[in-house]
Amino acid sequence: MRNILIPVLIVWLSLSGGCSIYRPTIQQGNILDLEQIDKLKPGMSRRQVIYVMGTPLLEDPFHKNRWDYIHTIKPGEGGPTTIQRVTLYFDKDSLQRIDKSALQKKPLN
C-alpha cells in the first residue's frame, strides 16, 4: 500500500501546483572578470596568463596559438542562455592580442 501511495501523492502534488520543481541557474566555464582581463598585457608568457586567468576552457588543437575563455549562464527559471568569450592569441610563448569583442553577455539563442 505504501509503495503505491507515495508515487500517487507525488503526482497529485505536482499536478495541483503544491509542489514546484527547483531548477538552479547553471554557470559553466571561466568566470570572466574585467579586473583580471585588464591585467593581461601583450608580451606576457602563457604561464603568466594562466596565473591571472586560470586555464582556458578551450585549447584548439588546430590553432595552438589561440586560447578561448568562455563563460555561459543558463537561468533556471527559463530565459535565454548567455555567453561571454575572451580570445587570446599567442606567438610561441608570448601573448600578442586580446579579443574582448564577445565579452558582453549575449543571448545564445
C-alpha atoms as a PDB file:
ATOM      1  CA  MET A   1       0.000   0.000   0.000  1.00  0.00           C
ATOM      2  CA  ARG A   2       2.788   2.402   0.945  1.00  0.00           C
ATOM      3  CA  ASN A   3       4.595   1.711  -2.354  1.00  0.00           C
ATOM      4  CA  ILE A   4       1.557   2.905  -4.290  1.00  0.00           C
ATOM      5  CA  LEU A   5       0.605   5.825  -2.050  1.00  0.00           C
ATOM      6  CA  ILE A   6       3.903   7.727  -2.276  1.00  0.00           C
ATOM      7  CA  PRO A   7       4.057   7.942  -6.132  1.00  0.00           C
ATOM      8  CA  VAL A   8       0.360   8.867  -6.262  1.00  0.00           C
ATOM      9  CA  LEU A   9       0.936  11.632  -3.703  1.00  0.00           C
ATOM     10  CA  ILE A  10       3.933  12.992  -5.649  1.00  0.00           C
ATOM     11  CA  VAL A  11       1.967  13.084  -8.913  1.00  0.00           C
ATOM     12  CA  TRP A  12      -1.022  14.722  -7.224  1.00  0.00           C
ATOM     13  CA  LEU A  13       1.144  17.434  -5.633  1.00  0.00           C
ATOM     14  CA  SER A  14       2.936  18.205  -8.886  1.00  0.00           C
ATOM     15  CA  LEU A  15      -0.323  18.464 -10.835  1.00  0.00           C
ATOM     16  CA  SER A  16      -2.080  20.568  -8.212  1.00  0.00           C
ATOM     17  CA  GLY A  17       0.692  23.147  -8.086  1.00  0.00           C
ATOM     18  CA  GLY A  18       1.517  22.357  -4.481  1.00  0.00           C
ATOM     19  CA  CYS A  19       4.986  21.300  -5.454  1.00  0.00           C
ATOM     20  CA  SER A  20       7.271  23.084  -7.887  1.00  0.00           C
ATOM     21  CA  ILE A  21      10.478  21.805  -9.363  1.00  0.00           C
ATOM     22  CA  TYR A  22      13.556  23.820  -8.494  1.00  0.00           C
ATOM     23  CA  ARG A  23      15.803  24.457 -11.467  1.00  0.00           C
ATOM     24  CA  PRO A  24      19.105  26.084 -10.482  1.00  0.00           C
ATOM     25  CA  THR A  25      20.966  28.557 -12.638  1.00  0.00           C
ATOM     26  CA  ILE A  26      23.815  26.745 -14.374  1.00  0.00           C
ATOM     27  CA  GLN A  27      27.126  28.511 -14.924  1.00  0.00           C
ATOM     28  CA  GLN A  28      29.891  26.857 -16.915  1.00  0.00           C
ATOM     29  CA  GLY A  29      33.378  27.795 -17.976  1.00  0.00           C
ATOM     30  CA  ASN A  30      35.714  30.508 -16.790  1.00  0.00           C
ATOM     31  CA  ILE A  31      34.200  33.441 -14.920  1.00  0.00           C
ATOM     32  CA  LEU A  32      35.378  36.476 -16.864  1.00  0.00           C
ATOM     33  CA  ASP A  33      36.237  39.343 -14.545  1.00  0.00           C
ATOM     34  CA  LEU A  34      37.160  42.691 -16.110  1.00  0.00           C
ATOM     35  CA  GLU A  35      39.809  43.293 -13.447  1.00  0.00           C
ATOM     36  CA  GLN A  36      41.540  40.055 -14.425  1.00  0.00           C
ATOM     37  CA  ILE A  37      41.308  40.798 -18.135  1.00  0.00           C
ATOM     38  CA  ASP A  38      42.725  44.300 -17.634  1.00  0.00           C
ATOM     39  CA  LYS A  39      45.828  42.733 -16.037  1.00  0.00           C
ATOM     40  CA  LEU A  40      46.651  40.997 -19.321  1.00  0.00           C
ATOM     41  CA  LYS A  41      49.326  42.751 -21.358  1.00  0.00           C
ATOM     42  CA  PRO A  42      50.917  41.863 -24.695  1.00  0.00           C
ATOM     43  CA  GLY A  43      54.245  40.146 -24.153  1.00  0.00           C
ATOM     44  CA  MET A  44      53.098  38.082 -21.153  1.00  0.00           C
ATOM     45  CA  SER A  45      54.068  34.406 -21.189  1.00  0.00           C
ATOM     46  CA  ARG A  46      51.486  31.620 -21.230  1.00  0.00           C
ATOM     47  CA  ARG A  47      52.316  30.817 -17.603  1.00  0.00           C
ATOM     48  CA  GLN A  48      51.686  34.426 -16.582  1.00  0.00           C
ATOM     49  CA  VAL A  49      48.336  34.382 -18.398  1.00  0.00           C
ATOM     50  CA  ILE A  50      47.355  31.158 -16.584  1.00  0.00           C
ATOM     51  CA  TYR A  51      48.336  32.781 -13.281  1.00  0.00           C
ATOM     52  CA  VAL A  52      45.999  35.729 -13.996  1.00  0.00           C
ATOM     53  CA  MET A  53      43.103  33.992 -15.800  1.00  0.00           C
ATOM     54  CA  GLY A  54      43.363  30.303 -14.938  1.00  0.00           C
ATOM     55  CA  THR A  55      43.498  27.579 -17.547  1.00  0.00           C
ATOM     56  CA  PRO A  56      41.450  28.232 -20.672  1.00  0.00           C
ATOM     57  CA  LEU A  57      38.249  26.328 -21.301  1.00  0.00           C
ATOM     58  CA  LEU A  58      39.287  25.639 -24.893  1.00  0.00           C
ATOM     59  CA  GLU A  59      42.697  24.982 -26.389  1.00  0.00           C
ATOM     60  CA  ASP A  60      42.038  24.226 -30.023  1.00  0.00           C
ATOM     61  CA  PRO A  61      44.435  21.520 -31.266  1.00  0.00           C
ATOM     62  CA  PHE A  62      44.286  23.055 -34.748  1.00  0.00           C
ATOM     63  CA  HIS A  63      45.132  26.566 -33.510  1.00  0.00           C
ATOM     64  CA  LYS A  64      47.859  26.105 -30.896  1.00  0.00           C
ATOM     65  CA  ASN A  65      48.356  29.864 -30.588  1.00  0.00           C
ATOM     66  CA  ARG A  66      44.762  30.629 -29.592  1.00  0.00           C
ATOM     67  CA  TRP A  67      43.096  30.262 -26.202  1.00  0.00           C
ATOM     68  CA  ASP A  68      39.366  30.782 -25.627  1.00  0.00           C
ATOM     69  CA  TYR A  69      37.972  31.665 -22.207  1.00  0.00           C
ATOM     70  CA  ILE A  70      34.209  31.060 -22.296  1.00  0.00           C
ATOM     71  CA  HIS A  71      31.505  31.576 -19.659  1.00  0.00           C
ATOM     72  CA  THR A  72      27.877  30.528 -20.148  1.00  0.00           C
ATOM     73  CA  ILE A  73      24.885  31.124 -17.885  1.00  0.00           C
ATOM     74  CA  LYS A  74      21.617  29.222 -18.245  1.00  0.00           C
ATOM     75  CA  PRO A  75      18.922  30.675 -15.948  1.00  0.00           C
ATOM     76  CA  GLY A  76      16.987  28.044 -14.033  1.00  0.00           C
ATOM     77  CA  GLU A  77      13.652  29.830 -14.395  1.00  0.00           C
ATOM     78  CA  GLY A  78      13.885  29.947 -18.161  1.00  0.00           C
ATOM     79  CA  GLY A  79      15.108  32.748 -20.320  1.00  0.00           C
ATOM     80  CA  PRO A  80      17.919  32.774 -22.835  1.00  0.00           C
ATOM     81  CA  THR A  81      21.305  31.239 -22.194  1.00  0.00           C
ATOM     82  CA  THR A  82      24.005  33.920 -22.318  1.00  0.00           C
ATOM     83  CA  ILE A  83      27.608  33.504 -23.371  1.00  0.00           C
ATOM     84  CA  GLN A  84      30.761  35.579 -22.873  1.00  0.00           C
ATOM     85  CA  ARG A  85      34.088  34.930 -24.553  1.00  0.00           C
ATOM     86  CA  VAL A  86      37.611  36.311 -24.493  1.00  0.00           C
ATOM     87  CA  THR A  87      40.089  35.011 -27.064  1.00  0.00           C
ATOM     88  CA  LEU A  88      43.831  35.313 -26.559  1.00  0.00           C
ATOM     89  CA  TYR A  89      46.335  34.983 -29.393  1.00  0.00           C
ATOM     90  CA  PHE A  90      49.953  33.972 -28.827  1.00  0.00           C
ATOM     91  CA  ASP A  91      53.133  33.975 -30.873  1.00  0.00           C
ATOM     92  CA  LYS A  92      55.005  30.986 -29.467  1.00  0.00           C
ATOM     93  CA  ASP A  93      55.029  31.743 -25.723  1.00  0.00           C
ATOM     94  CA  SER A  94      54.193  35.453 -25.908  1.00  0.00           C
ATOM     95  CA  LEU A  95      50.704  36.989 -25.701  1.00  0.00           C
ATOM     96  CA  GLN A  96      50.145  39.075 -28.837  1.00  0.00           C
ATOM     97  CA  ARG A  97      46.489  40.078 -28.950  1.00  0.00           C
ATOM     98  CA  ILE A  98      43.372  40.073 -26.758  1.00  0.00           C
ATOM     99  CA  ASP A  99      39.947  39.891 -28.410  1.00  0.00           C
ATOM    100  CA  LYS A 100      37.261  41.121 -25.999  1.00  0.00           C
ATOM    101  CA  SER A 101      34.593  41.736 -28.651  1.00  0.00           C
ATOM    102  CA  ALA A 102      32.356  38.925 -27.287  1.00  0.00           C
ATOM    103  CA  LEU A 103      32.813  39.876 -23.627  1.00  0.00           C
ATOM    104  CA  GLN A 104      29.386  41.483 -23.231  1.00  0.00           C
ATOM    105  CA  LYS A 105      26.713  38.974 -22.247  1.00  0.00           C
ATOM    106  CA  LYS A 106      24.931  37.919 -25.426  1.00  0.00           C
ATOM    107  CA  PRO A 107      21.980  35.553 -25.753  1.00  0.00           C
ATOM    108  CA  LEU A 108      22.990  32.198 -27.190  1.00  0.00           C
ATOM    109  CA  ASN A 109      19.629  31.632 -28.899  1.00  0.00           C
END
